[in-house]
Every structure is written in C-alpha cells, then in structure tokens.
Amino acid sequence: MPVQMTEARAARLTGGFDGGNGYVKAKLRGEVDGAEVIDQVDLPSVVSSENRSMPKVPLEDSTAAEVLADPDFYNRIECSIQSPLVSRTDLKTFGRKALTTPGKLTQFEVFGPHSKADQELSFILVLGVFAAKALRDYVAEHGVLPAHELRASVRAGLALPITEYVQRRHGFAADFTGPAAAPATHLVTLKMFNTPVPVRLTFEAVHVLAEGASAQFAITNKGEVLARALLEDLRHSDPEGHARLAAQGISAADLVAVQNTIGVDAGEGTTNFPAYSEGRFNPAASGTLDQGFGTVLENAIEAMREARPPLVFGSRKELADFLQQEPSKFTRAKHERARGFVDDQAEYLCEEIASAFGDVLAQAGSATDVVYVYGGGSGPIAKFLRPKLQQIAGDIPVLYLDARYSRHLNREGLYIAARHVEQAAGKDPAPAPGAAKDQNAA
C-alpha cells in the first residue's frame, strides 16, 4: 500500500561515520522500545546509479522485519535522494550490492587533487546510511514498514584527511546542517521494498575530526584494554620490538599515559600522519600523503593490463575482494600472480610513506614517545612498511596495530566525539537499565 503522509515519527540518531576511500566504517546509535541500539556498519565506499525510479525487483513489504534484522542490510540499500548536496534523484544502490548491479559505479577518486569535501559520494553515503538506520530501528520496534514519512535528527562525527580538515572542516559540517536560521533537510526515499519509505533527515550537529586523529582519540579512550592488546600483538608480530619495550619496562599503563605520539593511518586513498603534542592534536606538525593502498591497487591493475598474458580486473574493489578471498585450486595461480603485481607496487608506496613520516617526525620533534600504525590499508603492506618506519624512528617504538581492529578505530573515535557533543548539549536520553544492545547481534 502507498505510504501515507501522516504525522512523522521523530527519531534521534548519533553516529561516528568514517567514510574511507575504500570502505565506510560507521557506528550508529538509535533507540528501539526506549532502549539504546547500536549498529556497526561496514560496506565498500561505492554507489551504483541507474536512471530509473524503482528497483527492477523490489522486495515484498512482508519481508521487511527479516531483511532489516540482517546486520548486512546496509550493503543492500537502494534509495533516491533529494538534497542540495546531491545533484540527481536517480536510483542509487550501495555497498557490495552495487558491485553487481548494472549502472554507473561511483567510487572515491584516489588520484589528483579531489577533496572528499567536494565529492558528492561523501554526502550520498552519509545520508543513505543514516536514513537506513532510522528505518531499521522503526521496523525493529513496530515489525512493519511505516505508513508515513519518517523524520530523524542526527548528530554525527565525520572525518576529513588532515590537510582538508585544516582548510574545510567548518564548511563541510555546514553543508549538512545548513544555516542556523534555515536548517537544511535531506529527503532519502528507501526503495528496497514494494512500498517506498521517505526519511527526512535534519543534522543538529556535525563534528568534523581529522582522519587518524580520531583513531588516536579512540586509542586513548580505550585505555589499558587496548594497550595490552597492542603489546600482545607486538609480542607475536615483532618479537624484537616487543623485547625492546620489555627491556625498558614499558607497560600498558605507560602507553596510555604517553602525551607525544605520531600516528600513521594508512587508508585507501590517503595516508594521514596525526601528531599529538602534550596530549593535544598538533595540526601544524601533522600531514597527509595523497596516496594509500588504493593507489597500489590502481597501479597494479594498470601493470596487469600491460602484462603478457594480461590480468584484467574491472576496478580496485574487484581486485581487493579477489585478494581477500582464499583462492581455490582453479584461481590459485591467478591469485599468486595478482599478489605479485600488488607487492611490487606496495614497495613504492611504502617508500613514499616512510619519506613523509620522516618529515612529520622532524616537525613533531624528538619528544615523540610512540608511533602507532593503523588503518585499513596498513595490513597488506605491513611486511614492507614496518621495517622502513622503525629505521627512521630509531629508538622510538613503532606499534603496528592489527588491521582486524585498527581499521575501525577512526569510527570509534568519531562516535565518541559525537556522543560527547550530544551529552554536552544535554540531549542524551538514558536507556532503560541493562537495555543497551547491539542490534547487529540479532
């Protein structure tokens, strides 16, 4: 049945949204039956656009509760967007489903001076994911699709590469909120089901942090629990480095207490170097290298096409997904050959990262206590990057965080920042005792 535009249900959403060049990592907070519900979102940063108003085969409305209960639901978002931030109202498909949907595939540009603050994809991903969270919470509470337009007010923590953060953070936030006298609204119509569901978003506050700096914020906030995990990882992955720390008597508590750090946040399109001096983010010493693991993948694809015989991949996402999968007997040779091309390009990237790190270290000064390495692109290049960084760092410990959790640190820091802003504004409704839950565990 068609959506009736009756009185809208107001929802309040809070989220940390790390819109990386490769993947969106988000942590979103809403409420179901008065209880806090948190979703962990992980999807490729891609959207497929089609010149049509509805999916070819939308899902039956009766399946909404089952479909929306799936934690991977965010990888199947289909919507149109009416917003001053989005130029076209065509049908947009998100995440992994976008990779197999006909249409124009859009991903972040990783070559050239293309600011994330100027790329429409940044806004599309934020608006679509927050609207999907509003619908997911409504159906979790009521069991059916709404018969009216949903409304949600949003407090968000977002991130920009450090150089863009310095220049663009205020304008980027204002793009979402609009002027105080006339707040912007963004209408996202979710179209996965036979009945389209409009969700009207208003951003009460947008807090922009520098990429990498938000991860450092999360490291500090998580305290000794994470510090102990770091030391344990180091014991297995770098016994020599662990032995150096042990000889100096450095404990988890010592790591939590450090005030002067440098981060190496290796992403897909950029590598950020956030410096902290006396416990505060130091943008003057920090920097961004406009290269990341996506640069490696793009260059490897180009080299594969010129090889004889050639190896052909349609996009860096396709290549990345292929390399992450365990090869079968039929694909093992192709997998090993593709990995060789990627490793060749990774060595070049690591030389660039090491050079940029040396510049930041010189700016930050000799008082630096620890270097942290993290980010979604850090894992595949670890064997090349770790020794180069340690050689430049000298006696300063280089702690290489496990990519299985380090790729999520930025979203954790962004979520913490958004929650702090919400609590400071006095808009933090207390959930029922013991009622907080992770909806993704459903």
Protein backbone atom coordinates (compact mmCIF):
# COMPACT_ATOMS: atom_id res chain seq x y z
CA MET A 1 0.00 0.00 0.00
CA PRO A 2 1.26 3.55 -0.65
CA VAL A 3 2.97 5.50 2.10
CA GLN A 4 0.50 7.85 3.81
CA MET A 5 1.97 11.23 4.74
CA THR A 6 0.60 11.29 8.26
CA GLU A 7 2.35 12.62 11.35
CA ALA A 8 6.02 11.71 11.15
CA ARG A 9 7.76 9.71 13.83
CA ALA A 10 10.71 11.64 15.24
CA ALA A 11 13.93 9.70 15.87
CA ARG A 12 17.25 10.82 17.30
CA LEU A 13 20.36 9.27 15.81
CA THR A 14 24.01 9.65 16.82
CA GLY A 15 26.84 8.25 14.75
CA GLY A 16 30.54 8.12 14.05
CA PHE A 17 30.92 7.85 10.29
CA ASP A 18 34.34 7.08 8.80
CA GLY A 19 33.76 7.46 5.06
CA GLY A 20 37.04 6.00 3.86
CA ASN A 21 38.15 5.89 0.24
CA GLY A 22 37.82 2.13 0.38
CA TYR A 23 35.18 1.35 2.99
CA VAL A 24 32.58 3.04 5.12
CA LYS A 25 33.02 2.15 8.79
CA ALA A 26 30.26 3.59 10.95
CA LYS A 27 28.88 3.19 14.46
CA LEU A 28 25.28 4.36 14.77
CA ARG A 29 23.16 4.80 17.89
CA GLY A 30 19.36 4.85 17.94
CA GLU A 31 16.52 3.58 20.13
CA VAL A 32 14.07 0.70 19.95
CA ASP A 33 11.33 0.49 22.62
CA GLY A 34 13.23 3.06 24.70
CA ALA A 35 16.45 1.03 24.70
CA GLU A 36 19.73 2.12 23.12
CA VAL A 37 20.54 0.15 19.96
CA ILE A 38 23.94 0.36 18.27
CA ASP A 39 24.70 -0.75 14.71
CA GLN A 40 28.19 -1.43 13.36
CA VAL A 41 28.29 -0.67 9.62
CA ASP A 42 30.93 -1.87 7.17
CA LEU A 43 30.45 -1.52 3.41
CA PRO A 44 32.53 -0.67 0.34
CA SER A 45 32.50 3.07 -0.44
CA VAL A 46 30.76 2.63 -3.77
CA VAL A 47 27.37 3.52 -5.22
CA SER A 48 25.80 2.31 -8.47
CA SER A 49 23.38 4.78 -10.10
CA GLU A 50 20.59 3.85 -12.53
CA ASN A 51 18.25 6.10 -14.49
CA ARG A 52 15.12 4.54 -13.02
CA SER A 53 12.78 5.31 -10.13
CA MET A 54 12.47 1.84 -8.56
CA PRO A 55 14.49 -1.41 -8.44
CA LYS A 56 13.57 -3.98 -11.08
CA VAL A 57 12.53 -6.50 -8.42
CA PRO A 58 11.75 -4.82 -5.08
CA LEU A 59 11.23 -6.99 -2.01
CA GLU A 60 7.82 -7.76 -0.59
CA ASP A 61 6.78 -5.48 2.27
CA SER A 62 6.03 -8.53 4.41
CA THR A 63 9.75 -9.42 4.45
CA ALA A 64 10.82 -6.07 5.96
CA ALA A 65 11.34 -7.31 9.52
CA GLU A 66 13.50 -10.22 8.38
CA VAL A 67 15.51 -8.21 5.84
CA LEU A 68 16.20 -5.29 8.17
CA ALA A 69 17.24 -7.58 11.04
CA ASP A 70 20.21 -8.74 8.95
CA PRO A 71 23.36 -6.82 10.06
CA ASP A 72 24.50 -6.81 6.41
CA PHE A 73 21.36 -4.92 5.38
CA TYR A 74 23.39 -1.72 4.85
CA ASN A 75 25.14 -3.40 1.90
CA ARG A 76 21.76 -3.64 0.12
CA ILE A 77 20.48 -0.07 0.47
CA GLU A 78 18.58 1.22 -2.58
CA CYS A 79 17.32 4.79 -2.46
CA SER A 80 16.86 8.14 -4.14
CA ILE A 81 17.95 11.40 -2.50
CA GLN A 82 16.52 14.90 -2.68
CA SER A 83 19.08 17.23 -1.12
CA PRO A 84 21.01 20.36 -2.04
CA LEU A 85 24.10 18.15 -1.64
CA VAL A 86 23.10 15.60 -4.33
CA SER A 87 22.63 16.59 -7.97
CA ARG A 88 20.45 13.72 -9.24
CA THR A 89 17.48 11.83 -7.83
CA ASP A 90 18.18 8.60 -9.73
CA LEU A 91 18.14 5.20 -8.02
CA LYS A 92 21.30 4.54 -6.01
CA THR A 93 22.46 1.14 -4.80
CA PHE A 94 25.04 0.93 -2.01
CA GLY A 95 27.89 -1.31 -0.91
CA ARG A 96 28.51 -4.84 -2.10
CA LYS A 97 25.22 -4.97 -3.97
CA ALA A 98 26.42 -2.00 -6.03
CA LEU A 99 29.37 -4.08 -7.25
CA THR A 100 26.99 -6.49 -9.02
CA THR A 101 24.27 -4.00 -10.08
CA PRO A 102 24.18 -2.57 -13.62
CA GLY A 103 24.62 1.17 -13.70
CA LYS A 104 27.27 3.83 -13.28
CA LEU A 105 29.63 2.78 -10.48
CA THR A 106 30.99 5.69 -8.44
CA GLN A 107 33.93 5.36 -6.05
CA PHE A 108 36.20 7.94 -4.47
CA GLU A 109 38.92 9.42 -6.64
CA VAL A 110 42.33 8.47 -5.27
CA PHE A 111 44.41 10.29 -7.88
CA GLY A 112 44.70 14.04 -8.22
CA PRO A 113 43.53 16.92 -6.01
CA HIS A 114 39.96 15.69 -5.45
CA SER A 115 38.84 16.76 -1.98
CA LYS A 116 36.42 14.45 -0.21
CA ALA A 117 34.53 17.58 0.81
CA ASP A 118 33.84 18.23 -2.89
CA GLN A 119 32.97 14.68 -3.93
CA GLU A 120 29.22 14.03 -3.95
CA LEU A 121 29.79 10.44 -2.90
CA SER A 122 30.72 11.70 0.60
CA PHE A 123 27.23 13.12 1.08
CA ILE A 124 25.36 10.25 -0.61
CA LEU A 125 26.92 7.66 1.70
CA VAL A 126 26.25 9.63 4.89
CA LEU A 127 22.63 10.41 4.01
CA GLY A 128 21.78 6.90 2.81
CA VAL A 129 23.27 5.11 5.82
CA PHE A 130 21.64 7.36 8.44
CA ALA A 131 18.26 7.07 6.69
CA ALA A 132 18.61 3.29 6.62
CA LYS A 133 19.35 3.29 10.38
CA ALA A 134 16.14 5.25 11.02
CA LEU A 135 14.09 2.71 9.05
CA ARG A 136 15.84 -0.25 10.66
CA ASP A 137 15.04 0.99 14.17
CA TYR A 138 11.41 1.72 13.27
CA VAL A 139 10.81 -1.77 11.86
CA ALA A 140 12.63 -3.37 14.81
CA GLU A 141 10.14 -1.64 17.12
CA HIS A 142 6.93 -1.97 15.09
CA GLY A 143 7.52 -5.08 12.96
CA VAL A 144 6.24 -3.47 9.74
CA LEU A 145 7.15 -0.67 7.36
CA PRO A 146 5.85 2.78 8.36
CA ALA A 147 2.74 4.20 6.72
CA HIS A 148 4.14 7.73 6.95
CA GLU A 149 7.28 9.72 6.38
CA LEU A 150 9.97 9.10 8.99
CA ARG A 151 11.87 12.01 10.47
CA ALA A 152 15.24 11.83 12.20
CA SER A 153 17.55 14.38 13.78
CA VAL A 154 21.21 13.46 13.54
CA ARG A 155 24.37 14.23 15.49
CA ALA A 156 27.33 12.99 13.52
CA GLY A 157 31.09 12.69 13.85
CA LEU A 158 32.71 12.83 10.39
CA ALA A 159 36.32 12.91 9.21
CA LEU A 160 38.42 14.55 6.52
CA PRO A 161 42.08 13.95 5.59
CA ILE A 162 44.30 16.20 7.72
CA THR A 163 45.10 18.76 5.01
CA GLU A 164 41.41 19.03 4.10
CA TYR A 165 40.43 19.15 7.77
CA VAL A 166 42.57 22.23 8.33
CA GLN A 167 41.00 24.07 5.37
CA ARG A 168 37.49 22.67 5.01
CA ARG A 169 36.14 21.32 8.31
CA HIS A 170 33.72 24.18 9.05
CA GLY A 171 32.31 24.33 5.53
CA PHE A 172 31.95 20.54 5.35
CA ALA A 173 29.92 20.49 8.56
CA ALA A 174 27.77 23.42 7.40
CA ASP A 175 26.93 21.56 4.17
CA PHE A 176 24.94 19.07 6.26
CA THR A 177 23.43 21.39 8.86
CA GLY A 178 22.66 24.45 6.75
CA PRO A 179 22.47 27.93 8.31
CA ALA A 180 21.05 28.25 11.82
CA ALA A 181 18.20 30.45 10.57
CA ALA A 182 17.13 27.86 7.99
CA PRO A 183 18.42 24.34 8.82
CA ALA A 184 18.85 22.07 5.81
CA THR A 185 16.67 18.99 5.37
CA HIS A 186 17.55 15.97 3.26
CA LEU A 187 14.90 13.57 1.96
CA VAL A 188 16.06 10.00 1.40
CA THR A 189 13.47 7.62 -0.06
CA LEU A 190 14.41 4.00 0.65
CA LYS A 191 13.22 1.75 -2.17
CA MET A 192 14.25 -1.80 -1.32
CA PHE A 193 10.59 -2.82 -0.81
CA ASN A 194 7.41 -2.52 -2.88
CA THR A 195 6.40 0.45 -0.72
CA PRO A 196 8.95 3.29 -0.84
CA VAL A 197 9.72 4.81 2.57
CA PRO A 198 10.71 8.50 2.76
CA VAL A 199 13.05 9.53 5.58
CA ARG A 200 13.64 13.24 6.24
CA LEU A 201 16.97 13.96 7.93
CA THR A 202 17.99 17.09 9.83
CA PHE A 203 21.53 17.39 11.16
CA GLU A 204 21.53 19.05 14.58
CA ALA A 205 25.32 18.97 14.86
CA VAL A 206 28.23 17.73 12.77
CA HIS A 207 31.63 17.40 14.46
CA VAL A 208 34.49 17.04 11.95
CA LEU A 209 37.77 15.45 13.05
CA ALA A 210 40.99 14.83 11.16
CA GLU A 211 41.41 11.29 9.83
CA GLY A 212 43.87 9.44 12.01
CA ALA A 213 43.44 11.92 14.85
CA SER A 214 40.06 10.34 15.59
CA ALA A 215 41.77 6.95 15.79
CA GLN A 216 44.33 8.33 18.25
CA PHE A 217 41.38 9.65 20.27
CA ALA A 218 39.91 6.14 20.38
CA ILE A 219 43.24 4.59 21.41
CA THR A 220 43.46 6.97 24.38
CA ASN A 221 39.81 6.50 25.30
CA LYS A 222 40.01 2.69 25.29
CA GLY A 223 42.87 2.81 27.78
CA GLU A 224 44.76 -0.19 29.10
CA VAL A 225 42.47 -2.80 27.49
CA LEU A 226 43.64 -1.78 24.01
CA ALA A 227 47.20 -1.10 25.19
CA ARG A 228 47.51 -4.66 26.49
CA ALA A 229 46.21 -5.98 23.17
CA LEU A 230 48.82 -3.88 21.35
CA LEU A 231 51.64 -5.33 23.43
CA GLU A 232 50.37 -8.87 22.91
CA ASP A 233 50.14 -8.34 19.15
CA LEU A 234 53.65 -6.94 19.16
CA ARG A 235 54.95 -9.99 21.02
CA HIS A 236 53.77 -12.24 18.16
CA SER A 237 54.31 -9.98 15.13
CA ASP A 238 57.54 -8.21 16.13
CA PRO A 239 59.37 -10.12 18.90
CA GLU A 240 62.41 -7.86 18.59
CA GLY A 241 60.29 -4.72 19.06
CA HIS A 242 58.47 -6.30 21.99
CA ALA A 243 61.78 -7.21 23.60
CA ARG A 244 62.95 -3.59 23.32
CA LEU A 245 59.85 -2.36 25.15
CA ALA A 246 60.17 -5.08 27.79
CA ALA A 247 63.82 -4.14 28.38
CA GLN A 248 62.69 -0.55 29.02
CA GLY A 249 60.00 -1.76 31.41
CA ILE A 250 57.20 -0.21 29.30
CA SER A 251 53.75 -1.42 30.36
CA ALA A 252 50.19 -0.95 29.11
CA ALA A 253 49.73 1.83 31.67
CA ASP A 254 52.79 3.61 30.27
CA LEU A 255 51.32 3.52 26.75
CA VAL A 256 48.04 5.02 27.96
CA ALA A 257 49.93 7.84 29.69
CA VAL A 258 52.00 8.98 26.69
CA GLN A 259 51.36 12.56 25.56
CA ASN A 260 53.52 12.82 22.44
CA THR A 261 52.62 10.43 19.63
CA ILE A 262 52.55 10.16 15.86
CA GLY A 263 50.03 8.04 14.01
CA VAL A 264 50.46 6.51 10.58
CA ASP A 265 46.91 5.97 9.33
CA ALA A 266 47.20 4.08 6.04
CA GLY A 267 43.92 4.21 4.17
CA GLU A 268 42.91 3.50 0.60
CA GLY A 269 43.26 6.96 -0.90
CA THR A 270 45.40 8.79 1.64
CA THR A 271 47.88 8.16 4.44
CA ASN A 272 47.47 10.55 7.36
CA PHE A 273 50.10 11.37 9.98
CA PRO A 274 48.36 12.87 13.05
CA ALA A 275 50.81 14.24 15.61
CA TYR A 276 49.86 14.74 19.25
CA SER A 277 51.96 17.06 21.41
CA GLU A 278 51.35 17.19 25.16
CA GLY A 279 48.13 15.29 24.64
CA ARG A 280 46.68 17.68 22.04
CA PHE A 281 46.30 17.26 18.28
CA ASN A 282 49.06 19.26 16.59
CA PRO A 283 47.85 20.13 13.05
CA ALA A 284 50.99 22.16 12.32
CA ALA A 285 53.19 19.06 12.65
CA SER A 286 50.66 16.64 11.12
CA GLY A 287 50.33 15.88 7.43
CA THR A 288 48.64 13.91 4.67
CA LEU A 289 50.15 11.88 1.83
CA ASP A 290 47.73 11.73 -1.09
CA GLN A 291 48.45 8.05 -1.64
CA GLY A 292 47.18 4.89 0.01
CA PHE A 293 46.57 1.23 -0.67
CA GLY A 294 44.06 2.19 -3.37
CA THR A 295 46.96 3.80 -5.24
CA VAL A 296 48.75 0.45 -5.08
CA LEU A 297 45.70 -1.37 -6.45
CA GLU A 298 45.13 1.13 -9.28
CA ASN A 299 48.80 0.99 -10.35
CA ALA A 300 48.79 -2.81 -10.12
CA ILE A 301 45.70 -3.01 -12.35
CA GLU A 302 47.42 -0.85 -14.94
CA ALA A 303 50.55 -3.04 -14.85
CA MET A 304 48.43 -6.21 -15.14
CA ARG A 305 46.72 -4.92 -18.27
CA GLU A 306 50.09 -4.37 -19.92
CA ALA A 307 51.43 -7.79 -18.90
CA ARG A 308 51.56 -10.75 -21.26
CA PRO A 309 49.26 -12.54 -20.81
CA PRO A 310 47.22 -9.72 -19.22
CA LEU A 311 45.27 -9.94 -15.95
CA VAL A 312 42.04 -7.96 -16.06
CA PHE A 313 40.11 -6.52 -13.10
CA GLY A 314 37.28 -4.04 -13.57
CA SER A 315 38.01 -1.93 -10.50
CA ARG A 316 40.27 -1.74 -7.48
CA LYS A 317 37.35 -3.02 -5.37
CA GLU A 318 37.14 -6.13 -7.52
CA LEU A 319 40.90 -6.71 -7.16
CA ALA A 320 40.83 -6.10 -3.39
CA ASP A 321 37.93 -8.53 -2.89
CA PHE A 322 39.68 -11.15 -5.04
CA LEU A 323 42.88 -10.93 -2.98
CA GLN A 324 40.98 -11.13 0.33
CA GLN A 325 39.35 -14.44 -0.63
CA GLU A 326 41.01 -17.79 -0.07
CA PRO A 327 41.93 -18.98 -3.59
CA SER A 328 40.58 -22.27 -4.93
CA LYS A 329 42.66 -24.75 -6.89
CA PHE A 330 41.38 -23.06 -10.05
CA THR A 331 42.28 -19.50 -9.01
CA ARG A 332 45.49 -20.10 -7.03
CA ALA A 333 47.84 -19.29 -9.92
CA LYS A 334 45.91 -16.11 -10.79
CA HIS A 335 45.85 -15.14 -7.13
CA GLU A 336 49.62 -15.55 -6.73
CA ARG A 337 50.29 -13.62 -9.93
CA ALA A 338 47.99 -10.75 -8.91
CA ARG A 339 49.57 -10.66 -5.45
CA GLY A 340 53.00 -10.28 -7.08
CA PHE A 341 51.89 -7.20 -9.02
CA VAL A 342 50.38 -5.68 -5.87
CA ASP A 343 53.50 -6.36 -3.78
CA ASP A 344 55.68 -4.67 -6.40
CA GLN A 345 53.58 -1.52 -6.21
CA ALA A 346 53.34 -1.71 -2.40
CA GLU A 347 57.09 -1.29 -2.08
CA TYR A 348 56.94 2.01 -3.95
CA LEU A 349 54.10 3.24 -1.72
CA CYS A 350 55.97 2.31 1.46
CA GLU A 351 58.97 4.34 0.36
CA GLU A 352 56.68 7.37 -0.08
CA ILE A 353 55.02 6.78 3.31
CA ALA A 354 58.38 6.42 5.04
CA SER A 355 59.64 9.65 3.49
CA ALA A 356 56.52 11.58 4.55
CA PHE A 357 56.74 10.06 8.04
CA GLY A 358 60.31 11.31 8.35
CA ASP A 359 59.13 14.85 7.58
CA VAL A 360 56.39 14.67 10.24
CA LEU A 361 58.80 13.23 12.80
CA ALA A 362 61.19 16.12 12.17
CA GLN A 363 58.34 18.61 12.70
CA ALA A 364 56.97 16.87 15.81
CA GLY A 365 60.38 16.88 17.48
CA SER A 366 62.45 14.44 19.45
CA ALA A 367 59.92 14.34 22.31
CA THR A 368 57.80 11.77 20.42
CA ASP A 369 57.21 8.78 22.70
CA VAL A 370 55.41 6.26 20.47
CA VAL A 371 54.44 5.76 16.81
CA TYR A 372 51.17 3.96 16.11
CA VAL A 373 50.46 2.38 12.71
CA TYR A 374 46.87 1.54 11.83
CA GLY A 375 44.16 1.86 9.17
CA GLY A 376 42.51 -0.40 6.61
CA GLY A 377 45.46 -0.20 4.21
CA SER A 378 48.13 -0.96 6.81
CA GLY A 379 47.69 -4.74 6.88
CA PRO A 380 48.52 -5.62 3.25
CA ILE A 381 51.73 -3.53 3.31
CA ALA A 382 52.95 -4.43 6.80
CA LYS A 383 55.93 -6.53 5.73
CA PHE A 384 57.30 -3.63 3.67
CA LEU A 385 56.28 -0.67 5.83
CA ARG A 386 57.13 -1.78 9.37
CA PRO A 387 60.94 -2.03 8.93
CA LYS A 388 61.10 1.25 6.98
CA LEU A 389 59.26 3.15 9.72
CA GLN A 390 61.33 1.62 12.52
CA GLN A 391 64.56 2.50 10.72
CA ILE A 392 63.50 6.16 10.58
CA ALA A 393 62.04 6.17 14.11
CA GLY A 394 65.26 4.84 15.63
CA ASP A 395 64.74 4.22 19.34
CA ILE A 396 61.09 5.35 19.26
CA PRO A 397 58.79 2.29 19.47
CA VAL A 398 56.68 1.65 16.37
CA LEU A 399 53.50 -0.19 17.37
CA TYR A 400 51.80 -1.77 14.37
CA LEU A 401 48.14 -2.36 15.26
CA ASP A 402 46.39 -5.44 13.93
CA ALA A 403 44.36 -4.36 10.89
CA ARG A 404 41.46 -6.58 12.02
CA TYR A 405 40.54 -3.96 14.59
CA SER A 406 42.69 -0.94 13.71
CA ARG A 407 40.62 -0.22 10.58
CA HIS A 408 37.69 0.50 12.91
CA LEU A 409 39.49 2.92 15.25
CA ASN A 410 38.55 6.06 13.31
CA ARG A 411 34.85 5.27 13.54
CA GLU A 412 35.19 4.57 17.26
CA GLY A 413 36.86 7.93 17.82
CA LEU A 414 34.26 9.71 15.69
CA TYR A 415 31.44 8.04 17.61
CA ILE A 416 32.99 9.04 20.94
CA ALA A 417 33.28 12.63 19.71
CA ALA A 418 29.64 12.71 18.56
CA ARG A 419 28.48 11.28 21.90
CA HIS A 420 30.49 13.89 23.81
CA VAL A 421 28.81 16.66 21.81
CA GLU A 422 25.40 15.11 22.43
CA GLN A 423 25.97 14.77 26.16
CA ALA A 424 27.29 18.32 26.40
CA ALA A 425 24.08 19.53 24.76
CA GLY A 426 22.03 17.67 27.39
CA LYS A 427 20.30 15.53 24.77
CA ASP A 428 21.39 12.13 25.97
CA PRO A 429 18.26 10.20 26.93
CA ALA A 430 19.13 7.49 29.44
CA PRO A 431 18.26 4.00 28.13
CA ALA A 432 16.43 1.54 30.30
CA PRO A 433 18.80 -0.15 32.80
CA GLY A 434 20.57 -3.05 31.16
CA ALA A 435 18.70 -2.45 27.92
CA ALA A 436 21.52 -1.26 25.68
CA LYS A 437 22.24 -3.74 22.92
CA ASP A 438 23.95 -4.16 19.59
CA GLN A 439 21.22 -4.66 17.01
CA ASN A 440 23.78 -6.31 14.71
CA ALA A 441 23.86 -9.26 17.11
CA ALA A 442 20.27 -10.04 16.23
